[in-house]
């Protein structure tokens, strides 16, 4: 993982210093502290006829593995707008968000730590086609998604979705 060696303010070398119990790269000259904060991402859970929408990743990390339509938020973008945009870009589908599903910590992307905000959504239009950073886009039976799901947060969300739907069905 990336860790800067020089201060972005004054170009002096950074040294490890304790910052409230955490060692952080710190500039001895100007006092700048580099914080490696998580990056927000947003995506959707779209279920149709007991099948969940997934995309096959074109790029690393985990190129060739399946995942939920999701991606990093742009600066100034609302999470809801990001989820809708990413779904259209990756699947060709226009969706309407129907609710907040959950928020997950993403620890298994080697590039960044992420905070994944997932929404439930329904298809409003468009044609299912793999988009810019997807090799494929397809619906899979919710009870048996592909084995090679890219990220733990996506596996957890799909598991929780199955549990919630089963509970809803049991309650009638």
N, C-alpha and C. Protein backbone atom coordinates (compact mmCIF):
# COMPACT_ATOMS: atom_id res chain seq x y z
N UNK A 1 0.83 -1.18 0.00
CA UNK A 1 0.00 0.00 0.00
C UNK A 1 0.87 1.24 0.00
N UNK A 2 0.38 2.25 -0.66
CA UNK A 2 1.13 3.48 -0.81
C UNK A 2 1.28 4.19 0.53
N UNK A 3 2.48 4.63 0.78
CA UNK A 3 2.73 5.49 1.93
C UNK A 3 3.76 6.53 1.47
N UNK A 4 3.43 7.80 1.56
CA UNK A 4 4.34 8.83 1.04
C UNK A 4 5.64 8.90 1.85
N UNK A 5 6.70 9.30 1.18
CA UNK A 5 8.00 9.47 1.83
C UNK A 5 8.32 10.93 2.08
N UNK A 6 7.65 11.82 1.32
CA UNK A 6 7.95 13.24 1.43
C UNK A 6 6.69 14.05 1.68
N UNK A 7 6.82 15.14 2.37
CA UNK A 7 5.71 16.00 2.73
C UNK A 7 5.16 16.70 1.48
N UNK A 8 3.83 16.65 1.25
CA UNK A 8 3.25 17.32 0.09
C UNK A 8 3.23 18.85 0.24
N UNK A 9 3.46 19.35 1.45
CA UNK A 9 3.48 20.79 1.68
C UNK A 9 4.86 21.41 1.51
N UNK A 10 5.88 20.76 2.11
CA UNK A 10 7.20 21.39 2.12
C UNK A 10 8.31 20.50 1.57
N UNK A 11 7.98 19.28 1.16
CA UNK A 11 8.90 18.33 0.52
C UNK A 11 9.96 17.74 1.44
N UNK A 12 9.89 17.99 2.73
CA UNK A 12 10.82 17.33 3.65
C UNK A 12 10.43 15.87 3.80
N UNK A 13 11.39 15.06 4.24
CA UNK A 13 11.11 13.65 4.47
C UNK A 13 10.14 13.45 5.62
N UNK A 14 9.26 12.46 5.49
CA UNK A 14 8.32 12.13 6.55
C UNK A 14 8.93 11.07 7.45
N UNK A 15 8.59 11.16 8.72
CA UNK A 15 9.05 10.18 9.70
C UNK A 15 7.83 9.64 10.44
N UNK A 16 7.97 8.41 10.95
CA UNK A 16 6.87 7.82 11.71
C UNK A 16 6.78 8.46 13.09
N UNK A 17 5.59 8.94 13.43
CA UNK A 17 5.36 9.52 14.75
C UNK A 17 4.04 9.00 15.29
N UNK A 18 3.98 8.89 16.61
CA UNK A 18 2.76 8.45 17.28
C UNK A 18 1.73 9.58 17.24
N UNK A 19 0.54 9.26 16.74
CA UNK A 19 -0.57 10.21 16.69
C UNK A 19 -1.75 9.54 17.38
N UNK A 20 -1.89 9.76 18.67
CA UNK A 20 -2.97 9.17 19.45
C UNK A 20 -2.97 7.64 19.36
N UNK A 21 -1.78 7.06 19.47
CA UNK A 21 -1.66 5.61 19.48
C UNK A 21 -1.50 4.96 18.12
N UNK A 22 -1.45 5.75 17.06
CA UNK A 22 -1.27 5.22 15.71
C UNK A 22 -0.02 5.85 15.10
N UNK A 23 0.87 5.02 14.57
CA UNK A 23 2.06 5.54 13.90
C UNK A 23 1.65 6.08 12.52
N UNK A 24 1.95 7.35 12.29
CA UNK A 24 1.58 7.99 11.02
C UNK A 24 2.79 8.74 10.46
N UNK A 25 2.92 8.75 9.12
CA UNK A 25 3.96 9.57 8.51
C UNK A 25 3.72 11.04 8.83
N UNK A 26 4.73 11.68 9.38
CA UNK A 26 4.59 13.06 9.86
C UNK A 26 5.82 13.86 9.41
N UNK A 27 5.58 15.11 9.04
CA UNK A 27 6.67 15.99 8.64
C UNK A 27 7.27 16.66 9.87
N UNK A 28 8.57 16.48 10.05
CA UNK A 28 9.26 17.11 11.17
C UNK A 28 9.37 18.62 10.98
N UNK A 29 9.30 19.06 9.71
CA UNK A 29 9.44 20.49 9.43
C UNK A 29 8.18 21.29 9.68
N UNK A 30 7.08 20.91 9.02
CA UNK A 30 5.85 21.72 9.11
C UNK A 30 4.76 21.09 9.94
N UNK A 31 4.95 19.83 10.36
CA UNK A 31 3.96 19.17 11.20
C UNK A 31 2.84 18.45 10.46
N UNK A 32 2.86 18.45 9.12
CA UNK A 32 1.84 17.77 8.35
C UNK A 32 1.79 16.29 8.75
N UNK A 33 0.58 15.75 8.91
CA UNK A 33 0.38 14.34 9.23
C UNK A 33 -0.41 13.72 8.08
N UNK A 34 0.10 12.60 7.55
CA UNK A 34 -0.59 11.91 6.47
C UNK A 34 -1.54 10.88 7.06
N UNK A 35 -2.83 11.09 6.80
CA UNK A 35 -3.87 10.16 7.25
C UNK A 35 -4.30 9.30 6.07
N UNK A 36 -4.30 8.02 6.26
CA UNK A 36 -4.78 7.09 5.23
C UNK A 36 -6.23 6.76 5.54
N UNK A 37 -7.12 7.63 5.10
CA UNK A 37 -8.54 7.46 5.40
C UNK A 37 -9.22 6.58 4.35
N UNK A 38 -10.30 5.91 4.73
CA UNK A 38 -11.02 5.09 3.76
C UNK A 38 -11.67 5.94 2.67
N UNK A 39 -11.92 5.30 1.55
CA UNK A 39 -12.51 5.94 0.39
C UNK A 39 -13.97 5.47 0.27
N UNK A 40 -14.92 6.39 0.10
CA UNK A 40 -16.32 5.96 -0.03
C UNK A 40 -16.63 5.37 -1.40
N UNK A 41 -17.43 4.32 -1.38
CA UNK A 41 -17.92 3.68 -2.60
C UNK A 41 -19.41 3.41 -2.42
N UNK A 42 -20.11 3.26 -3.53
CA UNK A 42 -21.55 3.00 -3.46
C UNK A 42 -21.94 2.02 -4.55
N UNK A 43 -22.99 1.25 -4.27
CA UNK A 43 -23.45 0.28 -5.24
C UNK A 43 -24.87 -0.17 -4.95
N UNK A 44 -25.30 -1.17 -5.71
CA UNK A 44 -26.69 -1.60 -5.62
C UNK A 44 -26.83 -3.11 -5.50
N UNK A 45 -27.96 -3.50 -4.94
CA UNK A 45 -28.43 -4.88 -4.94
C UNK A 45 -29.73 -4.86 -5.75
N UNK A 46 -29.70 -5.45 -6.93
CA UNK A 46 -30.88 -5.53 -7.79
C UNK A 46 -31.26 -7.00 -7.88
N UNK A 47 -32.47 -7.31 -7.44
CA UNK A 47 -32.97 -8.69 -7.50
C UNK A 47 -34.21 -8.70 -8.38
N UNK A 48 -34.21 -9.61 -9.35
CA UNK A 48 -35.36 -9.81 -10.23
C UNK A 48 -35.64 -11.31 -10.30
N UNK A 49 -36.85 -11.71 -9.99
CA UNK A 49 -37.25 -13.12 -10.08
C UNK A 49 -36.27 -14.04 -9.35
N UNK A 50 -35.84 -13.62 -8.14
CA UNK A 50 -34.96 -14.44 -7.33
C UNK A 50 -33.53 -14.48 -7.81
N UNK A 51 -33.18 -13.58 -8.71
CA UNK A 51 -31.82 -13.53 -9.27
C UNK A 51 -31.20 -12.17 -8.97
N UNK A 52 -29.89 -12.17 -8.68
CA UNK A 52 -29.19 -10.94 -8.32
C UNK A 52 -28.26 -10.50 -9.45
N UNK A 53 -28.20 -9.21 -9.66
CA UNK A 53 -27.37 -8.62 -10.70
C UNK A 53 -25.91 -8.54 -10.23
N UNK A 54 -25.01 -9.08 -11.06
CA UNK A 54 -23.58 -9.04 -10.78
C UNK A 54 -22.82 -8.66 -12.04
N UNK A 55 -21.61 -8.18 -11.84
CA UNK A 55 -20.72 -7.87 -12.97
C UNK A 55 -19.39 -8.59 -12.77
N UNK A 56 -18.78 -8.98 -13.89
CA UNK A 56 -17.46 -9.60 -13.85
C UNK A 56 -16.42 -8.50 -14.07
N UNK A 57 -15.49 -8.40 -13.14
CA UNK A 57 -14.50 -7.32 -13.15
C UNK A 57 -13.53 -7.45 -14.31
N UNK A 58 -13.32 -6.33 -15.01
CA UNK A 58 -12.36 -6.28 -16.11
C UNK A 58 -10.94 -6.04 -15.59
N UNK A 59 -10.82 -5.27 -14.51
CA UNK A 59 -9.50 -4.83 -14.03
C UNK A 59 -9.21 -5.34 -12.62
N UNK A 60 -7.94 -5.41 -12.32
CA UNK A 60 -7.52 -5.73 -10.96
C UNK A 60 -7.89 -4.59 -10.02
N UNK A 61 -8.09 -4.86 -8.77
CA UNK A 61 -7.89 -6.16 -8.14
C UNK A 61 -9.03 -7.13 -8.47
N UNK A 62 -8.67 -8.38 -8.51
CA UNK A 62 -9.60 -9.49 -8.71
C UNK A 62 -10.27 -9.47 -10.09
N UNK A 63 -9.49 -9.11 -11.12
CA UNK A 63 -10.00 -9.17 -12.49
C UNK A 63 -10.53 -10.57 -12.75
N UNK A 64 -11.70 -10.65 -13.40
CA UNK A 64 -12.32 -11.92 -13.72
C UNK A 64 -13.25 -12.46 -12.65
N UNK A 65 -13.24 -11.84 -11.47
CA UNK A 65 -14.16 -12.25 -10.40
C UNK A 65 -15.44 -11.43 -10.52
N UNK A 66 -16.50 -11.94 -9.91
CA UNK A 66 -17.80 -11.28 -9.95
C UNK A 66 -17.97 -10.36 -8.74
N UNK A 67 -18.79 -9.32 -8.91
CA UNK A 67 -19.08 -8.41 -7.80
C UNK A 67 -20.41 -7.69 -8.05
N UNK A 68 -20.87 -7.02 -7.04
CA UNK A 68 -22.06 -6.18 -7.18
C UNK A 68 -21.70 -4.95 -8.01
N UNK A 69 -22.66 -4.38 -8.74
CA UNK A 69 -22.37 -3.12 -9.43
C UNK A 69 -22.10 -2.04 -8.37
N UNK A 70 -20.88 -1.55 -8.37
CA UNK A 70 -20.48 -0.57 -7.35
C UNK A 70 -19.18 0.08 -7.79
N UNK A 71 -18.89 1.22 -7.18
CA UNK A 71 -17.63 1.88 -7.47
C UNK A 71 -17.41 3.07 -6.57
N UNK A 72 -16.24 3.66 -6.72
CA UNK A 72 -15.87 4.80 -5.88
C UNK A 72 -16.66 6.04 -6.26
N UNK A 73 -16.99 6.80 -5.24
CA UNK A 73 -17.70 8.05 -5.44
C UNK A 73 -16.77 9.10 -6.01
N UNK A 74 -17.32 9.99 -6.82
CA UNK A 74 -16.58 11.14 -7.33
C UNK A 74 -16.64 12.25 -6.28
N UNK A 75 -15.68 13.15 -6.31
CA UNK A 75 -15.68 14.29 -5.39
C UNK A 75 -16.96 15.08 -5.59
N UNK A 76 -17.65 15.38 -4.51
CA UNK A 76 -18.87 16.16 -4.57
C UNK A 76 -20.11 15.38 -4.96
N UNK A 77 -19.99 14.08 -5.19
CA UNK A 77 -21.12 13.26 -5.62
C UNK A 77 -21.81 12.65 -4.41
N UNK A 78 -23.12 12.64 -4.42
CA UNK A 78 -23.90 12.01 -3.35
C UNK A 78 -23.81 10.49 -3.54
N UNK A 79 -23.79 9.72 -2.44
CA UNK A 79 -23.72 8.26 -2.58
C UNK A 79 -24.83 7.68 -3.45
N UNK A 80 -26.03 8.21 -3.36
CA UNK A 80 -27.13 7.69 -4.17
C UNK A 80 -26.85 7.90 -5.66
N UNK A 81 -26.36 9.08 -6.01
CA UNK A 81 -26.03 9.37 -7.41
C UNK A 81 -24.91 8.46 -7.89
N UNK A 82 -23.96 8.21 -7.03
CA UNK A 82 -22.85 7.33 -7.38
C UNK A 82 -23.34 5.91 -7.65
N UNK A 83 -24.22 5.40 -6.81
CA UNK A 83 -24.75 4.04 -7.00
C UNK A 83 -25.49 3.93 -8.33
N UNK A 84 -26.31 4.91 -8.65
CA UNK A 84 -27.05 4.89 -9.91
C UNK A 84 -26.09 5.01 -11.10
N UNK A 85 -25.13 5.90 -11.01
CA UNK A 85 -24.15 6.10 -12.10
C UNK A 85 -23.34 4.83 -12.34
N UNK A 86 -22.80 4.24 -11.26
CA UNK A 86 -21.99 3.04 -11.40
C UNK A 86 -22.78 1.90 -12.02
N UNK A 87 -24.03 1.76 -11.64
CA UNK A 87 -24.87 0.69 -12.20
C UNK A 87 -25.05 0.88 -13.70
N UNK A 88 -25.34 2.10 -14.11
CA UNK A 88 -25.50 2.37 -15.54
C UNK A 88 -24.19 2.12 -16.29
N UNK A 89 -23.08 2.61 -15.74
CA UNK A 89 -21.79 2.44 -16.41
C UNK A 89 -21.40 0.97 -16.54
N UNK A 90 -21.66 0.18 -15.52
CA UNK A 90 -21.20 -1.21 -15.51
C UNK A 90 -22.17 -2.20 -16.14
N UNK A 91 -23.46 -1.87 -16.15
CA UNK A 91 -24.46 -2.85 -16.61
C UNK A 91 -25.37 -2.37 -17.74
N UNK A 92 -25.37 -1.08 -18.04
CA UNK A 92 -26.29 -0.55 -19.03
C UNK A 92 -27.70 -0.35 -18.51
N UNK A 93 -27.95 -0.67 -17.24
CA UNK A 93 -29.29 -0.55 -16.67
C UNK A 93 -29.47 0.75 -15.91
N UNK A 94 -30.62 1.38 -16.13
CA UNK A 94 -31.02 2.53 -15.31
C UNK A 94 -31.84 1.97 -14.14
N UNK A 95 -31.49 2.39 -12.94
CA UNK A 95 -32.17 1.86 -11.76
C UNK A 95 -32.75 2.98 -10.92
N UNK A 96 -33.75 2.60 -10.13
CA UNK A 96 -34.34 3.49 -9.12
C UNK A 96 -34.02 2.88 -7.77
N UNK A 97 -33.39 3.68 -6.92
CA UNK A 97 -33.06 3.18 -5.59
C UNK A 97 -34.33 3.06 -4.76
N UNK A 98 -34.44 1.96 -3.99
CA UNK A 98 -35.62 1.74 -3.17
C UNK A 98 -35.33 1.79 -1.68
N UNK A 99 -34.06 1.88 -1.31
CA UNK A 99 -33.73 2.00 0.11
C UNK A 99 -32.25 1.76 0.37
N UNK A 100 -31.83 2.19 1.53
CA UNK A 100 -30.47 1.92 1.99
C UNK A 100 -30.43 0.50 2.51
N UNK A 101 -29.51 -0.32 2.01
CA UNK A 101 -29.41 -1.71 2.47
C UNK A 101 -28.43 -1.84 3.63
N UNK A 102 -27.24 -1.26 3.47
CA UNK A 102 -26.24 -1.39 4.53
C UNK A 102 -24.95 -0.68 4.16
N UNK A 103 -24.09 -0.55 5.17
CA UNK A 103 -22.78 0.08 5.01
C UNK A 103 -21.74 -0.93 5.48
N UNK A 104 -20.71 -1.12 4.67
CA UNK A 104 -19.73 -2.17 4.92
C UNK A 104 -18.31 -1.61 4.87
N UNK A 105 -17.44 -2.18 5.69
CA UNK A 105 -16.02 -1.85 5.65
C UNK A 105 -15.36 -2.77 4.63
N UNK A 106 -14.63 -2.18 3.71
CA UNK A 106 -13.90 -2.95 2.71
C UNK A 106 -12.43 -3.01 3.06
N UNK A 107 -11.98 -4.19 3.47
CA UNK A 107 -10.59 -4.36 3.89
C UNK A 107 -9.75 -5.17 2.91
N UNK A 108 -10.36 -5.72 1.85
CA UNK A 108 -9.61 -6.64 1.00
C UNK A 108 -9.26 -6.10 -0.38
N UNK A 109 -9.37 -4.79 -0.57
CA UNK A 109 -8.89 -4.16 -1.80
C UNK A 109 -7.49 -3.64 -1.51
N UNK A 110 -6.48 -4.14 -2.19
CA UNK A 110 -5.11 -3.73 -1.86
C UNK A 110 -4.81 -2.27 -2.16
N UNK A 111 -5.64 -1.61 -2.94
CA UNK A 111 -5.39 -0.21 -3.29
C UNK A 111 -5.77 0.74 -2.16
N UNK A 112 -6.91 0.48 -1.53
CA UNK A 112 -7.46 1.41 -0.53
C UNK A 112 -8.30 0.64 0.47
N UNK A 113 -8.58 1.27 1.57
CA UNK A 113 -9.63 0.81 2.47
C UNK A 113 -10.89 1.55 2.01
N UNK A 114 -12.00 0.85 1.97
CA UNK A 114 -13.22 1.46 1.44
C UNK A 114 -14.34 1.40 2.47
N UNK A 115 -15.27 2.30 2.32
CA UNK A 115 -16.55 2.25 3.01
C UNK A 115 -17.59 2.10 1.91
N UNK A 116 -18.21 0.93 1.85
CA UNK A 116 -19.16 0.60 0.79
C UNK A 116 -20.58 0.84 1.27
N UNK A 117 -21.30 1.70 0.56
CA UNK A 117 -22.70 2.03 0.86
C UNK A 117 -23.54 1.33 -0.19
N UNK A 118 -24.38 0.39 0.25
CA UNK A 118 -25.20 -0.37 -0.69
C UNK A 118 -26.67 -0.02 -0.55
N UNK A 119 -27.33 0.10 -1.69
CA UNK A 119 -28.75 0.39 -1.77
C UNK A 119 -29.47 -0.76 -2.47
N UNK A 120 -30.73 -0.97 -2.14
CA UNK A 120 -31.57 -1.83 -2.95
C UNK A 120 -32.07 -0.98 -4.11
N UNK A 121 -32.31 -1.64 -5.24
CA UNK A 121 -32.72 -0.88 -6.42
C UNK A 121 -33.56 -1.77 -7.33
N UNK A 122 -34.34 -1.11 -8.18
CA UNK A 122 -35.16 -1.79 -9.18
C UNK A 122 -34.78 -1.25 -10.56
N UNK A 123 -34.85 -2.12 -11.54
CA UNK A 123 -34.57 -1.71 -12.91
C UNK A 123 -35.66 -0.76 -13.39
N UNK A 124 -35.25 0.35 -14.01
CA UNK A 124 -36.20 1.28 -14.62
C UNK A 124 -36.12 1.24 -16.14
N UNK A 125 -35.01 0.79 -16.66
CA UNK A 125 -34.84 0.76 -18.11
C UNK A 125 -33.43 0.38 -18.47
N UNK A 126 -33.13 0.57 -19.73
CA UNK A 126 -31.81 0.22 -20.23
C UNK A 126 -31.76 -1.21 -20.71
N UNK A 127 -30.60 -1.58 -21.25
CA UNK A 127 -30.38 -2.93 -21.76
C UNK A 127 -29.17 -3.51 -21.05
N UNK A 128 -29.32 -4.73 -20.54
CA UNK A 128 -28.23 -5.37 -19.81
C UNK A 128 -27.08 -5.66 -20.76
N UNK A 129 -25.97 -4.95 -20.51
CA UNK A 129 -24.77 -5.12 -21.32
C UNK A 129 -23.58 -4.72 -20.46
N UNK A 130 -22.49 -5.47 -20.55
CA UNK A 130 -21.30 -5.14 -19.79
C UNK A 130 -20.78 -3.76 -20.20
N UNK A 131 -20.47 -2.95 -19.19
CA UNK A 131 -20.03 -1.59 -19.46
C UNK A 131 -18.53 -1.41 -19.37
N UNK A 132 -18.13 -0.19 -19.05
CA UNK A 132 -16.74 0.25 -19.13
C UNK A 132 -15.72 -0.62 -18.42
N UNK A 133 -15.96 -1.00 -17.18
CA UNK A 133 -14.95 -1.79 -16.47
C UNK A 133 -15.46 -3.18 -16.11
N UNK A 134 -16.41 -3.67 -16.90
CA UNK A 134 -16.97 -5.00 -16.68
C UNK A 134 -16.77 -5.87 -17.92
N UNK A 135 -16.42 -7.13 -17.70
CA UNK A 135 -16.33 -8.09 -18.80
C UNK A 135 -17.69 -8.66 -19.15
N UNK A 136 -18.53 -8.85 -18.11
CA UNK A 136 -19.87 -9.39 -18.28
C UNK A 136 -20.78 -8.76 -17.24
N UNK A 137 -22.06 -8.77 -17.52
CA UNK A 137 -23.09 -8.37 -16.56
C UNK A 137 -24.21 -9.39 -16.70
N UNK A 138 -24.65 -9.95 -15.57
CA UNK A 138 -25.64 -11.02 -15.63
C UNK A 138 -26.37 -11.14 -14.30
N UNK A 139 -27.55 -11.76 -14.36
CA UNK A 139 -28.30 -12.10 -13.17
C UNK A 139 -28.01 -13.56 -12.81
N UNK A 140 -27.80 -13.81 -11.52
CA UNK A 140 -27.53 -15.14 -11.01
C UNK A 140 -28.56 -15.49 -9.94
N UNK A 141 -28.89 -16.78 -9.78
CA UNK A 141 -29.79 -17.15 -8.69
C UNK A 141 -29.22 -16.66 -7.36
N UNK A 142 -30.06 -15.98 -6.60
CA UNK A 142 -29.62 -15.42 -5.32
C UNK A 142 -29.11 -16.52 -4.40
N UNK A 143 -29.69 -17.69 -4.49
CA UNK A 143 -29.28 -18.80 -3.62
C UNK A 143 -27.96 -19.43 -4.04
N UNK A 144 -27.52 -19.16 -5.27
CA UNK A 144 -26.26 -19.77 -5.72
C UNK A 144 -25.48 -18.82 -6.63
N UNK A 145 -24.99 -17.72 -6.06
CA UNK A 145 -24.18 -16.80 -6.87
C UNK A 145 -22.85 -17.48 -7.22
N UNK A 146 -22.08 -16.91 -8.12
CA UNK A 146 -20.79 -17.51 -8.46
C UNK A 146 -19.90 -17.64 -7.23
N UNK A 147 -19.06 -18.67 -7.24
CA UNK A 147 -18.12 -18.91 -6.13
C UNK A 147 -17.09 -17.79 -6.03
N UNK A 148 -16.68 -17.25 -7.17
CA UNK A 148 -15.59 -16.29 -7.20
C UNK A 148 -16.09 -14.84 -7.07
N UNK A 149 -16.70 -14.53 -5.92
CA UNK A 149 -17.09 -13.15 -5.65
C UNK A 149 -15.85 -12.38 -5.19
N UNK A 150 -15.66 -11.19 -5.72
CA UNK A 150 -14.40 -10.46 -5.57
C UNK A 150 -14.10 -9.99 -4.15
N UNK A 151 -15.11 -9.52 -3.42
CA UNK A 151 -14.84 -8.85 -2.16
C UNK A 151 -15.70 -9.41 -1.02
N UNK A 152 -15.11 -9.45 0.16
CA UNK A 152 -15.81 -9.97 1.34
C UNK A 152 -17.08 -9.18 1.64
N UNK A 153 -17.04 -7.86 1.49
CA UNK A 153 -18.23 -7.05 1.78
C UNK A 153 -19.38 -7.43 0.85
N UNK A 154 -19.08 -7.76 -0.40
CA UNK A 154 -20.12 -8.16 -1.35
C UNK A 154 -20.69 -9.52 -0.96
N UNK A 155 -19.82 -10.45 -0.56
CA UNK A 155 -20.30 -11.76 -0.09
C UNK A 155 -21.19 -11.59 1.13
N UNK A 156 -20.77 -10.74 2.06
CA UNK A 156 -21.56 -10.51 3.28
C UNK A 156 -22.92 -9.90 2.94
N UNK A 157 -22.93 -8.92 2.05
CA UNK A 157 -24.19 -8.26 1.69
C UNK A 157 -25.16 -9.24 1.02
N UNK A 158 -24.66 -10.08 0.14
CA UNK A 158 -25.52 -11.06 -0.53
C UNK A 158 -26.07 -12.06 0.48
N UNK A 159 -25.23 -12.49 1.41
CA UNK A 159 -25.68 -13.39 2.48
C UNK A 159 -26.78 -12.72 3.31
N UNK A 160 -26.57 -11.47 3.70
CA UNK A 160 -27.58 -10.75 4.49
C UNK A 160 -28.86 -10.54 3.69
N UNK A 161 -28.74 -10.29 2.41
CA UNK A 161 -29.93 -10.12 1.57
C UNK A 161 -30.74 -11.41 1.55
N UNK A 162 -30.07 -12.55 1.37
CA UNK A 162 -30.79 -13.84 1.39
C UNK A 162 -31.51 -14.03 2.72
N UNK A 163 -30.81 -13.71 3.84
CA UNK A 163 -31.44 -13.86 5.16
C UNK A 163 -32.65 -12.95 5.32
N UNK A 164 -32.54 -11.71 4.90
CA UNK A 164 -33.66 -10.77 5.03
C UNK A 164 -34.85 -11.21 4.19
N UNK A 165 -34.59 -11.68 2.98
CA UNK A 165 -35.68 -12.13 2.12
C UNK A 165 -36.34 -13.39 2.68
N UNK A 166 -35.53 -14.29 3.23
CA UNK A 166 -36.09 -15.50 3.85
C UNK A 166 -36.95 -15.15 5.06
N UNK A 167 -36.48 -14.20 5.86
CA UNK A 167 -37.25 -13.76 7.03
C UNK A 167 -38.56 -13.11 6.59
N UNK A 168 -38.48 -12.29 5.55
CA UNK A 168 -39.68 -11.63 5.03
C UNK A 168 -40.68 -12.65 4.53
N UNK A 169 -40.19 -13.67 3.80
CA UNK A 169 -41.07 -14.73 3.30
C UNK A 169 -41.71 -15.51 4.45
N UNK A 170 -40.93 -15.76 5.53
CA UNK A 170 -41.44 -16.53 6.67
C UNK A 170 -42.52 -15.75 7.43
N UNK A 171 -42.39 -14.43 7.41
CA UNK A 171 -43.37 -13.58 8.10
C UNK A 171 -44.64 -13.41 7.28
N UNK A 172 -44.58 -13.82 6.01
CA UNK A 172 -45.76 -13.83 5.17
C UNK A 172 -46.05 -12.54 4.55
